[in-house]
Amino acid sequence: MGVNEWNTMSEYILELKNINKLFPGVKALSNVSFGLKRGEIHALVGENGAGKSTLIKIITGAYEPTEGQMIFDQSTVTKNSPFISLKKGIFPIYQELNLFQAMSVADNMFMGKELTRNGLRDKKRMVSICSNVFAQLDVKIDPNALIRNLSVAYQQLVEIARALLEDSKVLIMDEPTAALTENEIEILFKIVRELQEKGVSIIYISHKLDEVFEISDRITVLRDGEYIKTMDTKDATKDELIKYMIGRELGEQYPRKSAQIGEASLRIENLQNNKVKNVSFDVKKGEILGIAGLVGSGRTEMARAIFGADAKTGGTITLNNTKLQISSPVDAIVNGIGLITEDRKQQGLMLIQTIKFNMTFSSLRYIKKLLIDKKKEIANCMELWQKLNLRAASLEQKVINLSGGNQQKVVLAKWLATNCDVLIFDEPTRGIDVGAKREIYILMNQMAEEGKTIIMISSEMPELIGMSDRIIVFREGSIAGELGGDDISQENILKLAANY
């Protein structure tokens, strides 16, 4: 590209000016402006419900703005759609990956644009091109491998490789590290920076502020559907950013506990199945027990075995000195054990149902005899609504239309309604903002103060260290060690998890 061409080119690849988006009864975006420079990594942050997803859907053509202007590569966009935006070079990578699990890497990368030779699919050429793209990214992925056999991290790399095949100018990454380990995040960041060096502009959306400060050049904050501020990352501080995001000082991120830890209430002895090996531990009343470990270490599988979602081949579960026979989630619920799953959308909620339905379907036995007591159901739901500070239009609003943080609150409300004695949180704050995280931490502490027993599985080290009374570390389906008191540190957790 010649010097004169650079001089006439705008420094912005993408501009949105005074964007408004109205839905029936809701103003999702109000006069929002945003600019993405050529070759920059620009973080877009804000609480759940701030308008980030709506703005991205306008950029990608999934939504049409009610008012406002979008300019891409110096041309005003008068008509847009997901297909048109892809043709322009705008490629989104969403938190829920858009890949066909039973198909090969190469087939996924060329989906809808298969290469042919003499009227037949040219698989050899597609595999060769895939190999070249992976070589550019400096990652080793077999183009013939099935997607379902790849880790989440490598599935995301396949999505990025697809973006390169599309000759993308703008890459949108929505919570790209939500399910990744520290090592996988390092690999991802290395590739993101390499893409930036090649001239790709990147919009990076994340609730993990440490990552935002590490990877981005600039940061734009949205709050309640309005533009708040854009700043150079090097000039910003975390406290300042949080204040812009939530409109107030956050205070202490991990609230102090005042719960009295009592006697052991839940005992797990020699629990095992095909993913868990001879696991034994106990948890006390009023205690928050943290569970650490790398992805695939057996943490989630242990929780699912306790809850009866996965079969166990051996071991005993004892609650309040009574041995339980748990062969299904119904058995666990009846005996006072609840599980907040790591994937709230697939396993924790019925998205097309209402808030009221989701809040009560696990606790129907408390509000019905022959028929559901509607007054009692609504009264219980409103009590939970207020306790959890739920932000929604009404109990009849469908859960699919809530922000991630409010969806997580509905999951929590479902289990609070059962009045369970033991609650297992699997990745309790994945994909939710700092304000909603703190609200959930406060609720966890309140439950501990009520004498509940809490197990918290988390991939976020600060969360584990800030919230746990003790931490058990898993490795390869077994307990690698236990940490308490001054021994709880990121270094000690990693040593046990990775067997340093």
Protein backbone atom coordinates (compact mmCIF):
# COMPACT_ATOMS: atom_id res chain seq x y z
CA MET A 1 0.00 0.00 0.00
CA GLY A 2 1.46 3.35 -1.02
CA VAL A 3 1.95 6.36 1.24
CA ASN A 4 -0.69 8.43 -0.58
CA GLU A 5 -3.24 5.63 -0.14
CA TRP A 6 -2.59 5.56 3.61
CA ASN A 7 -3.00 9.35 3.76
CA THR A 8 -6.48 9.20 2.24
CA MET A 9 -7.61 6.27 4.36
CA SER A 10 -9.50 6.82 7.60
CA GLU A 11 -7.80 5.45 10.70
CA TYR A 12 -11.10 3.73 11.50
CA ILE A 13 -12.16 0.47 9.85
CA LEU A 14 -15.54 0.61 11.60
CA GLU A 15 -17.62 3.48 12.99
CA LEU A 16 -21.06 3.52 14.57
CA LYS A 17 -22.67 6.91 15.07
CA ASN A 18 -25.63 7.70 17.35
CA ILE A 19 -27.04 4.17 17.29
CA ASN A 20 -30.47 3.64 18.84
CA LYS A 21 -32.20 0.28 19.11
CA LEU A 22 -35.77 -0.08 20.35
CA PHE A 23 -37.52 -3.32 21.22
CA PRO A 24 -41.17 -3.41 22.34
CA GLY A 25 -41.16 -1.57 25.67
CA VAL A 26 -37.35 -1.51 25.92
CA LYS A 27 -34.68 0.89 24.66
CA ALA A 28 -31.66 -1.40 24.34
CA LEU A 29 -29.28 1.24 22.93
CA SER A 30 -29.54 5.00 23.29
CA ASN A 31 -27.41 7.24 21.08
CA VAL A 32 -24.34 4.96 21.20
CA SER A 33 -21.21 5.76 19.17
CA PHE A 34 -18.23 3.46 18.75
CA GLY A 35 -15.08 3.48 16.63
CA LEU A 36 -12.68 0.63 15.83
CA LYS A 37 -9.27 1.62 14.48
CA ARG A 38 -7.40 -0.38 11.87
CA GLY A 39 -5.23 -3.05 13.46
CA GLU A 40 -6.24 -2.38 17.08
CA ILE A 41 -7.59 -4.62 19.81
CA HIS A 42 -10.53 -2.73 21.28
CA ALA A 43 -12.21 -4.07 24.42
CA LEU A 44 -15.96 -3.56 24.81
CA VAL A 45 -17.00 -3.83 28.45
CA GLY A 46 -20.05 -3.31 30.62
CA GLU A 47 -22.39 -5.14 32.96
CA ASN A 48 -24.78 -7.77 31.64
CA GLY A 49 -27.58 -5.84 29.99
CA ALA A 50 -25.31 -2.88 29.15
CA GLY A 51 -26.00 -3.28 25.43
CA LYS A 52 -22.82 -5.02 24.25
CA SER A 53 -24.61 -7.95 22.59
CA THR A 54 -27.13 -5.67 20.91
CA LEU A 55 -24.34 -3.48 19.51
CA ILE A 56 -22.49 -6.53 18.17
CA LYS A 57 -25.67 -7.86 16.55
CA ILE A 58 -26.09 -4.52 14.78
CA ILE A 59 -22.49 -4.68 13.54
CA THR A 60 -22.99 -8.24 12.25
CA GLY A 61 -26.38 -7.49 10.71
CA ALA A 62 -28.45 -9.71 13.02
CA TYR A 63 -30.31 -6.57 14.17
CA GLU A 64 -31.20 -3.43 12.24
CA PRO A 65 -30.70 -0.20 14.19
CA THR A 66 -33.79 1.89 14.86
CA GLU A 67 -31.70 4.99 14.25
CA GLY A 68 -28.06 5.78 13.56
CA GLN A 69 -25.33 5.20 11.03
CA MET A 70 -22.73 2.47 10.48
CA ILE A 71 -19.63 3.11 8.38
CA PHE A 72 -17.38 0.23 7.35
CA ASP A 73 -14.10 0.75 5.52
CA GLN A 74 -15.13 4.34 4.65
CA SER A 75 -18.49 3.32 3.14
CA THR A 76 -21.88 3.92 4.77
CA VAL A 77 -23.72 0.64 5.35
CA THR A 78 -27.28 1.05 4.03
CA LYS A 79 -28.22 -2.62 4.12
CA ASN A 80 -26.82 -5.30 6.41
CA SER A 81 -27.31 -8.95 7.31
CA PRO A 82 -25.11 -11.71 8.75
CA PHE A 83 -24.31 -12.82 5.20
CA ILE A 84 -23.49 -9.28 4.02
CA SER A 85 -21.29 -8.55 7.06
CA LEU A 86 -19.32 -11.77 6.46
CA LYS A 87 -18.79 -10.74 2.85
CA LYS A 88 -17.46 -7.40 4.08
CA GLY A 89 -14.97 -9.19 6.34
CA ILE A 90 -16.68 -8.98 9.74
CA PHE A 91 -16.39 -12.33 11.52
CA PRO A 92 -17.88 -12.98 14.98
CA ILE A 93 -16.72 -15.74 17.34
CA TYR A 94 -19.38 -16.21 19.98
CA GLN A 95 -19.04 -17.77 23.43
CA GLU A 96 -21.25 -20.63 22.25
CA LEU A 97 -19.10 -21.91 19.39
CA ASN A 98 -20.79 -22.37 16.02
CA LEU A 99 -19.23 -25.68 15.00
CA PHE A 100 -20.61 -29.08 13.98
CA GLN A 101 -19.27 -31.50 16.57
CA ALA A 102 -19.61 -34.71 14.50
CA MET A 103 -17.81 -33.26 11.49
CA SER A 104 -14.10 -32.83 10.79
CA VAL A 105 -12.11 -29.64 11.24
CA ALA A 106 -11.73 -29.21 7.48
CA ASP A 107 -15.45 -29.78 6.84
CA ASN A 108 -16.30 -27.14 9.44
CA MET A 109 -13.86 -24.63 8.00
CA PHE A 110 -15.25 -25.00 4.48
CA MET A 111 -18.92 -25.33 5.46
CA GLY A 112 -21.00 -23.68 2.74
CA LYS A 113 -18.00 -23.03 0.51
CA GLU A 114 -16.63 -26.50 -0.23
CA LEU A 115 -13.95 -26.75 -2.91
CA THR A 116 -14.67 -29.03 -5.86
CA ARG A 117 -12.73 -30.68 -8.64
CA ASN A 118 -14.45 -32.24 -11.64
CA GLY A 119 -17.77 -31.86 -9.83
CA LEU A 120 -16.60 -33.69 -6.67
CA ARG A 121 -15.56 -32.37 -3.25
CA ASP A 122 -11.81 -31.74 -3.26
CA LYS A 123 -11.12 -32.93 0.29
CA LYS A 124 -7.38 -33.17 -0.30
CA ARG A 125 -7.12 -29.50 -1.27
CA MET A 126 -9.31 -28.38 1.64
CA VAL A 127 -7.14 -30.32 4.09
CA SER A 128 -4.01 -28.78 2.56
CA ILE A 129 -5.38 -25.23 2.87
CA CYS A 130 -6.41 -25.90 6.49
CA SER A 131 -2.91 -27.13 7.27
CA ASN A 132 -1.43 -23.94 5.80
CA VAL A 133 -3.75 -21.74 7.89
CA PHE A 134 -2.85 -23.63 11.08
CA ALA A 135 0.83 -23.26 10.18
CA GLN A 136 0.28 -19.47 9.95
CA LEU A 137 -1.23 -19.57 13.43
CA ASP A 138 1.62 -21.81 14.64
CA VAL A 139 -0.77 -24.42 16.09
CA LYS A 140 -0.92 -28.15 15.48
CA ILE A 141 -4.46 -29.25 14.61
CA ASP A 142 -5.25 -32.22 12.39
CA PRO A 143 -7.72 -31.04 9.69
CA ASN A 144 -9.19 -34.58 9.64
CA ALA A 145 -9.89 -34.63 13.40
CA LEU A 146 -13.50 -34.51 14.56
CA ILE A 147 -14.43 -31.26 16.30
CA ARG A 148 -15.84 -33.14 19.30
CA ASN A 149 -12.39 -34.61 19.97
CA LEU A 150 -10.77 -31.18 20.33
CA SER A 151 -10.55 -29.17 23.55
CA VAL A 152 -12.62 -25.98 23.76
CA ALA A 153 -9.43 -23.96 23.26
CA TYR A 154 -8.63 -25.71 20.00
CA GLN A 155 -12.22 -25.44 18.85
CA GLN A 156 -11.89 -21.69 19.28
CA LEU A 157 -8.68 -21.78 17.24
CA VAL A 158 -10.64 -23.52 14.49
CA GLU A 159 -13.12 -20.61 14.58
CA ILE A 160 -10.22 -18.16 14.27
CA ALA A 161 -8.80 -20.17 11.37
CA ARG A 162 -12.21 -19.93 9.67
CA ALA A 163 -11.99 -16.17 10.06
CA LEU A 164 -8.65 -16.19 8.25
CA LEU A 165 -10.16 -18.25 5.42
CA GLU A 166 -12.85 -15.58 5.14
CA ASP A 167 -10.11 -12.93 4.80
CA SER A 168 -11.56 -11.13 7.81
CA LYS A 169 -10.87 -7.48 8.43
CA VAL A 170 -12.71 -7.34 11.76
CA LEU A 171 -12.80 -10.18 14.28
CA ILE A 172 -15.32 -10.03 17.14
CA MET A 173 -14.47 -12.22 20.14
CA ASP A 174 -17.22 -12.67 22.74
CA GLU A 175 -15.95 -14.05 26.09
CA PRO A 176 -13.29 -16.14 24.27
CA THR A 177 -11.57 -17.41 27.43
CA ALA A 178 -14.65 -18.37 29.47
CA ALA A 179 -13.83 -22.11 29.40
CA LEU A 180 -10.04 -21.97 28.95
CA THR A 181 -7.15 -22.81 31.26
CA GLU A 182 -4.32 -20.35 31.95
CA ASN A 183 -2.07 -22.11 29.44
CA GLU A 184 -4.79 -22.12 26.75
CA ILE A 185 -5.40 -18.40 27.33
CA GLU A 186 -1.70 -17.72 26.69
CA ILE A 187 -1.91 -19.58 23.36
CA LEU A 188 -5.05 -17.64 22.39
CA PHE A 189 -3.50 -14.26 23.27
CA LYS A 190 -0.39 -15.08 21.23
CA ILE A 191 -2.55 -15.76 18.17
CA VAL A 192 -4.68 -12.65 18.75
CA ARG A 193 -1.56 -10.50 18.76
CA GLU A 194 -0.29 -12.21 15.59
CA LEU A 195 -3.61 -11.43 13.89
CA GLN A 196 -3.28 -7.82 15.00
CA GLU A 197 0.19 -7.67 13.43
CA LYS A 198 -1.35 -8.90 10.16
CA GLY A 199 -3.71 -5.90 10.23
CA VAL A 200 -6.87 -7.55 11.60
CA SER A 201 -8.94 -5.28 13.85
CA ILE A 202 -10.39 -7.01 16.90
CA ILE A 203 -13.35 -6.24 19.16
CA TYR A 204 -12.72 -8.11 22.41
CA ILE A 205 -15.61 -8.61 24.85
CA SER A 206 -14.83 -9.96 28.31
CA HIS A 207 -15.87 -9.66 31.94
CA LYS A 208 -12.34 -10.64 33.00
CA LEU A 209 -10.80 -7.23 33.52
CA ASP A 210 -7.26 -8.56 34.00
CA GLU A 211 -7.47 -9.91 30.44
CA VAL A 212 -8.87 -6.65 29.12
CA PHE A 213 -5.86 -4.77 30.51
CA GLU A 214 -3.43 -7.37 29.18
CA ILE A 215 -4.69 -7.70 25.59
CA SER A 216 -6.41 -4.43 24.56
CA ASP A 217 -5.21 -1.10 23.18
CA ARG A 218 -8.39 0.83 23.98
CA ILE A 219 -11.51 0.22 26.05
CA THR A 220 -15.09 1.40 25.49
CA VAL A 221 -17.59 1.21 28.36
CA LEU A 222 -21.36 0.82 27.93
CA ARG A 223 -23.86 1.06 30.77
CA ASP A 224 -27.64 0.60 30.61
CA GLY A 225 -27.59 0.87 26.81
CA GLU A 226 -25.64 4.12 26.78
CA TYR A 227 -22.10 5.03 25.75
CA ILE A 228 -20.08 6.06 28.82
CA LYS A 229 -16.43 6.46 27.84
CA THR A 230 -13.57 5.32 25.59
CA MET A 231 -10.04 5.33 27.00
CA ASP A 232 -6.55 4.16 26.16
CA THR A 233 -5.90 1.00 28.17
CA LYS A 234 -2.49 2.24 29.32
CA ASP A 235 -4.14 5.27 30.96
CA ALA A 236 -6.95 3.35 32.73
CA THR A 237 -7.13 1.63 36.12
CA LYS A 238 -9.29 -1.31 37.15
CA ASP A 239 -11.09 0.67 39.87
CA GLU A 240 -11.82 3.49 37.41
CA LEU A 241 -13.13 1.04 34.84
CA ILE A 242 -15.42 -0.70 37.33
CA LYS A 243 -16.81 2.66 38.44
CA TYR A 244 -17.67 3.55 34.83
CA MET A 245 -19.21 0.11 34.26
CA ILE A 246 -21.53 0.00 37.27
CA GLY A 247 -21.96 3.72 37.98
CA ARG A 248 -20.68 3.50 41.53
CA GLU A 249 -17.73 2.37 43.62
CA LEU A 250 -17.79 -1.42 43.82
CA GLY A 251 -16.27 -1.73 47.26
CA GLU A 252 -14.55 -4.92 48.34
CA GLN A 253 -14.87 -7.47 45.50
CA TYR A 254 -14.90 -10.49 47.81
CA PRO A 255 -17.13 -9.63 50.80
CA ARG A 256 -15.92 -10.74 54.19
CA LYS A 257 -17.49 -13.81 55.72
CA SER A 258 -18.95 -13.91 59.20
CA ALA A 259 -20.34 -17.47 59.06
CA GLN A 260 -19.52 -19.83 61.91
CA ILE A 261 -18.16 -23.08 60.50
CA GLY A 262 -19.75 -26.05 62.21
CA GLU A 263 -19.45 -29.81 62.04
CA ALA A 264 -19.12 -31.81 58.84
CA SER A 265 -22.49 -32.17 57.14
CA LEU A 266 -21.58 -33.78 53.79
CA ARG A 267 -19.16 -36.71 53.59
CA ILE A 268 -17.99 -38.22 50.33
CA GLU A 269 -16.12 -41.52 50.65
CA ASN A 270 -14.37 -43.44 47.86
CA LEU A 271 -16.55 -41.92 45.11
CA GLN A 272 -15.71 -43.30 41.69
CA ASN A 273 -16.86 -43.82 38.13
CA ASN A 274 -15.14 -43.75 34.76
CA LYS A 275 -14.01 -40.13 35.32
CA VAL A 276 -13.54 -39.98 39.11
CA LYS A 277 -11.09 -42.13 41.05
CA ASN A 278 -11.61 -42.95 44.71
CA VAL A 279 -12.47 -39.40 45.86
CA SER A 280 -13.04 -38.73 49.57
CA PHE A 281 -13.63 -35.43 51.37
CA ASP A 282 -16.08 -33.70 53.70
CA VAL A 283 -17.66 -30.25 53.86
CA LYS A 284 -18.83 -28.47 56.99
CA LYS A 285 -21.93 -26.44 57.73
CA GLY A 286 -21.29 -22.76 57.00
CA GLU A 287 -18.20 -23.59 54.93
CA ILE A 288 -17.41 -22.67 51.34
CA LEU A 289 -15.19 -25.42 49.96
CA GLY A 290 -13.38 -24.44 46.78
CA ILE A 291 -12.64 -27.04 44.12
CA ALA A 292 -9.72 -26.25 41.79
CA GLY A 293 -8.11 -28.09 38.90
CA LEU A 294 -7.44 -27.84 35.20
CA VAL A 295 -10.23 -28.39 32.68
CA GLY A 296 -10.76 -32.17 32.45
CA SER A 297 -9.38 -32.83 35.93
CA GLY A 298 -12.64 -34.40 37.14
CA ARG A 299 -14.09 -31.45 39.07
CA THR A 300 -17.40 -31.27 37.21
CA GLU A 301 -17.65 -35.05 36.92
CA MET A 302 -17.33 -35.34 40.70
CA ALA A 303 -20.17 -32.84 41.20
CA ARG A 304 -22.40 -34.61 38.67
CA ALA A 305 -21.78 -37.97 40.38
CA ILE A 306 -22.78 -36.54 43.77
CA PHE A 307 -25.92 -35.02 42.22
CA GLY A 308 -26.87 -38.25 40.44
CA ALA A 309 -26.55 -36.75 36.95
CA ASP A 310 -23.78 -39.26 36.18
CA ALA A 311 -23.74 -42.83 37.47
CA LYS A 312 -21.20 -43.79 40.10
CA THR A 313 -19.59 -47.22 40.29
CA GLY A 314 -18.63 -46.99 43.94
CA GLY A 315 -18.53 -44.85 47.05
CA THR A 316 -20.93 -43.43 49.61
CA ILE A 317 -22.58 -40.04 50.14
CA THR A 318 -23.55 -39.15 53.70
CA LEU A 319 -25.52 -36.02 54.63
CA ASN A 320 -26.11 -35.12 58.29
CA ASN A 321 -25.07 -38.65 59.36
CA THR A 322 -27.53 -40.32 56.98
CA LYS A 323 -26.24 -42.39 54.06
CA LEU A 324 -28.03 -41.41 50.87
CA GLN A 325 -29.00 -43.54 47.91
CA ILE A 326 -28.66 -41.15 44.97
CA SER A 327 -29.18 -42.59 41.52
CA SER A 328 -30.77 -39.54 39.83
CA PRO A 329 -31.01 -35.74 40.26
CA VAL A 330 -34.51 -36.23 41.70
CA ASP A 331 -32.98 -38.28 44.55
CA ALA A 332 -30.45 -35.49 45.19
CA ILE A 333 -33.11 -32.78 45.23
CA VAL A 334 -35.37 -34.75 47.59
CA ASN A 335 -32.41 -35.19 49.94
CA GLY A 336 -31.51 -31.49 49.93
CA ILE A 337 -28.66 -31.29 47.37
CA GLY A 338 -28.67 -28.79 44.52
CA LEU A 339 -26.31 -28.26 41.57
CA ILE A 340 -25.81 -25.02 39.66
CA THR A 341 -24.31 -26.39 36.44
CA GLU A 342 -21.42 -24.78 34.58
CA ASP A 343 -23.54 -24.45 31.43
CA ARG A 344 -26.63 -22.57 32.58
CA LYS A 345 -28.15 -22.31 29.09
CA GLN A 346 -27.97 -26.00 28.19
CA GLN A 347 -28.36 -27.62 31.61
CA GLY A 348 -29.60 -25.07 34.14
CA LEU A 349 -32.52 -23.30 32.47
CA MET A 350 -35.47 -23.80 30.16
CA LEU A 351 -34.73 -20.72 28.07
CA ILE A 352 -38.06 -20.47 26.26
CA GLN A 353 -40.00 -20.66 29.53
CA THR A 354 -40.79 -17.79 31.89
CA ILE A 355 -38.85 -16.64 34.95
CA LYS A 356 -41.68 -17.93 37.17
CA PHE A 357 -41.62 -21.38 35.57
CA ASN A 358 -37.83 -21.68 35.91
CA MET A 359 -37.86 -20.52 39.51
CA THR A 360 -40.41 -23.09 40.64
CA PHE A 361 -40.18 -26.27 38.56
CA SER A 362 -37.60 -27.85 40.93
CA SER A 363 -39.70 -27.08 44.02
CA LEU A 364 -43.26 -27.86 42.94
CA ARG A 365 -43.79 -30.18 45.90
CA TYR A 366 -43.68 -27.14 48.19
CA ILE A 367 -46.45 -25.24 46.38
CA LYS A 368 -48.91 -27.93 45.33
CA LYS A 369 -51.08 -30.64 46.73
CA LEU A 370 -53.27 -31.72 43.84
CA LEU A 371 -52.96 -28.39 42.02
CA ILE A 372 -50.32 -25.66 42.10
CA ASP A 373 -51.12 -22.94 44.65
CA LYS A 374 -50.74 -19.97 42.28
CA LYS A 375 -50.77 -17.36 45.06
CA LYS A 376 -48.04 -19.20 46.96
CA GLU A 377 -46.03 -19.66 43.76
CA ILE A 378 -46.11 -15.94 42.93
CA ALA A 379 -45.37 -14.96 46.55
CA ASN A 380 -42.33 -17.26 46.64
CA CYS A 381 -41.09 -15.95 43.29
CA MET A 382 -41.45 -12.31 44.31
CA GLU A 383 -39.55 -12.98 47.53
CA LEU A 384 -36.70 -14.52 45.54
CA TRP A 385 -36.88 -11.68 42.98
CA GLN A 386 -36.27 -9.12 45.73
CA LYS A 387 -33.63 -11.17 47.52
CA LEU A 388 -31.61 -11.62 44.33
CA ASN A 389 -32.17 -8.09 42.99
CA LEU A 390 -33.37 -9.57 39.68
CA ARG A 391 -33.63 -7.11 36.79
CA ALA A 392 -36.47 -8.07 34.48
CA ALA A 393 -39.81 -6.78 33.21
CA SER A 394 -42.00 -9.33 35.05
CA LEU A 395 -42.19 -12.94 36.21
CA GLU A 396 -43.72 -13.77 32.82
CA GLN A 397 -40.65 -12.60 30.90
CA LYS A 398 -38.90 -15.44 29.06
CA VAL A 399 -35.48 -16.31 30.44
CA ILE A 400 -33.90 -16.31 26.98
CA ASN A 401 -34.35 -12.51 26.91
CA LEU A 402 -32.45 -11.90 30.17
CA SER A 403 -28.80 -10.89 30.48
CA GLY A 404 -26.31 -13.57 31.55
CA GLY A 405 -26.12 -12.26 35.12
CA ASN A 406 -29.88 -12.28 35.53
CA GLN A 407 -30.11 -15.76 33.99
CA GLN A 408 -27.63 -16.94 36.63
CA LYS A 409 -29.78 -15.35 39.33
CA VAL A 410 -32.81 -17.30 38.07
CA VAL A 411 -30.78 -20.53 38.32
CA LEU A 412 -29.83 -19.62 41.89
CA ALA A 413 -33.46 -18.73 42.69
CA LYS A 414 -34.52 -22.18 41.48
CA TRP A 415 -32.29 -23.82 44.08
CA LEU A 416 -33.06 -21.36 46.88
CA ALA A 417 -36.72 -22.28 46.35
CA THR A 418 -35.93 -25.90 47.22
CA ASN A 419 -34.35 -24.84 50.55
CA CYS A 420 -31.52 -27.30 49.94
CA ASP A 421 -28.88 -27.98 52.61
CA VAL A 422 -26.01 -28.46 50.14
CA LEU A 423 -25.50 -26.33 47.05
CA ILE A 424 -22.78 -27.07 44.50
CA PHE A 425 -21.80 -24.07 42.35
CA ASP A 426 -20.00 -25.09 39.14
CA GLU A 427 -18.39 -21.96 37.62
CA PRO A 428 -20.92 -19.70 39.41
CA THR A 429 -19.85 -16.41 37.77
CA ARG A 430 -18.84 -17.52 34.27
CA GLY A 431 -19.78 -14.88 31.71
CA ILE A 432 -21.28 -12.35 34.14
CA ASP A 433 -20.13 -8.86 35.06
CA VAL A 434 -18.28 -7.63 38.15
CA GLY A 435 -21.38 -6.14 39.79
CA ALA A 436 -23.45 -9.31 39.39
CA LYS A 437 -20.47 -11.39 40.57
CA ARG A 438 -20.32 -9.51 43.83
CA GLU A 439 -24.06 -9.92 44.37
CA ILE A 440 -23.66 -13.69 43.96
CA TYR A 441 -20.68 -13.73 46.35
CA ILE A 442 -22.80 -11.90 48.97
CA LEU A 443 -25.59 -14.47 48.53
CA MET A 444 -23.13 -17.34 48.91
CA ASN A 445 -21.90 -15.81 52.16
CA GLN A 446 -25.48 -15.33 53.38
CA MET A 447 -26.21 -18.99 52.68
CA ALA A 448 -23.09 -19.99 54.61
CA GLU A 449 -24.25 -17.81 57.52
CA GLU A 450 -27.56 -19.72 57.46
CA GLY A 451 -25.61 -22.94 57.99
CA LYS A 452 -25.78 -24.17 54.40
CA THR A 453 -22.96 -26.25 52.96
CA ILE A 454 -21.41 -24.85 49.78
CA ILE A 455 -19.07 -26.40 47.23
CA MET A 456 -17.68 -23.98 44.64
CA ILE A 457 -15.93 -25.22 41.49
CA SER A 458 -14.14 -22.43 39.65
CA SER A 459 -11.45 -21.85 37.04
CA GLU A 460 -10.91 -18.28 38.27
CA MET A 461 -8.04 -18.24 40.76
CA PRO A 462 -8.93 -14.90 42.41
CA GLU A 463 -12.49 -16.15 42.96
CA LEU A 464 -11.31 -19.39 44.54
CA ILE A 465 -8.80 -17.62 46.78
CA GLY A 466 -11.18 -14.79 47.69
CA MET A 467 -14.21 -16.93 48.56
CA SER A 468 -13.01 -20.32 49.83
CA ASP A 469 -12.39 -21.43 53.41
CA ARG A 470 -10.51 -24.46 52.07
CA ILE A 471 -9.53 -25.56 48.59
CA ILE A 472 -9.30 -29.13 47.27
CA VAL A 473 -7.30 -29.49 44.05
CA PHE A 474 -8.19 -32.15 41.47
CA ARG A 475 -5.84 -33.74 38.96
CA GLU A 476 -6.66 -36.55 36.52
CA GLY A 477 -9.85 -37.54 38.34
CA SER A 478 -8.32 -37.68 41.81
CA ILE A 479 -7.66 -35.30 44.68
CA ALA A 480 -4.11 -33.97 44.31
CA GLY A 481 -4.10 -32.10 47.61
CA GLU A 482 -5.86 -29.76 50.01
CA LEU A 483 -4.98 -26.17 50.93
CA GLY A 484 -6.11 -24.04 53.83
CA GLY A 485 -5.20 -20.84 55.63
CA ASP A 486 -1.96 -19.21 54.54
CA ASP A 487 -1.23 -22.11 52.16
CA ILE A 488 -3.98 -20.94 49.80
CA SER A 489 -2.20 -19.23 46.92
CA GLN A 490 -2.25 -19.29 43.14
CA GLU A 491 1.22 -20.81 43.06
CA ASN A 492 0.29 -23.69 45.38
CA ILE A 493 -2.95 -24.39 43.49
CA LEU A 494 -1.10 -24.56 40.17
CA LYS A 495 1.63 -26.79 41.61
CA LEU A 496 -0.98 -29.34 42.68
CA ALA A 497 -3.15 -29.00 39.57
CA ALA A 498 -0.30 -29.38 37.08
CA ASN A 499 1.95 -31.58 39.23
CA TYR A 500 4.87 -29.15 39.07
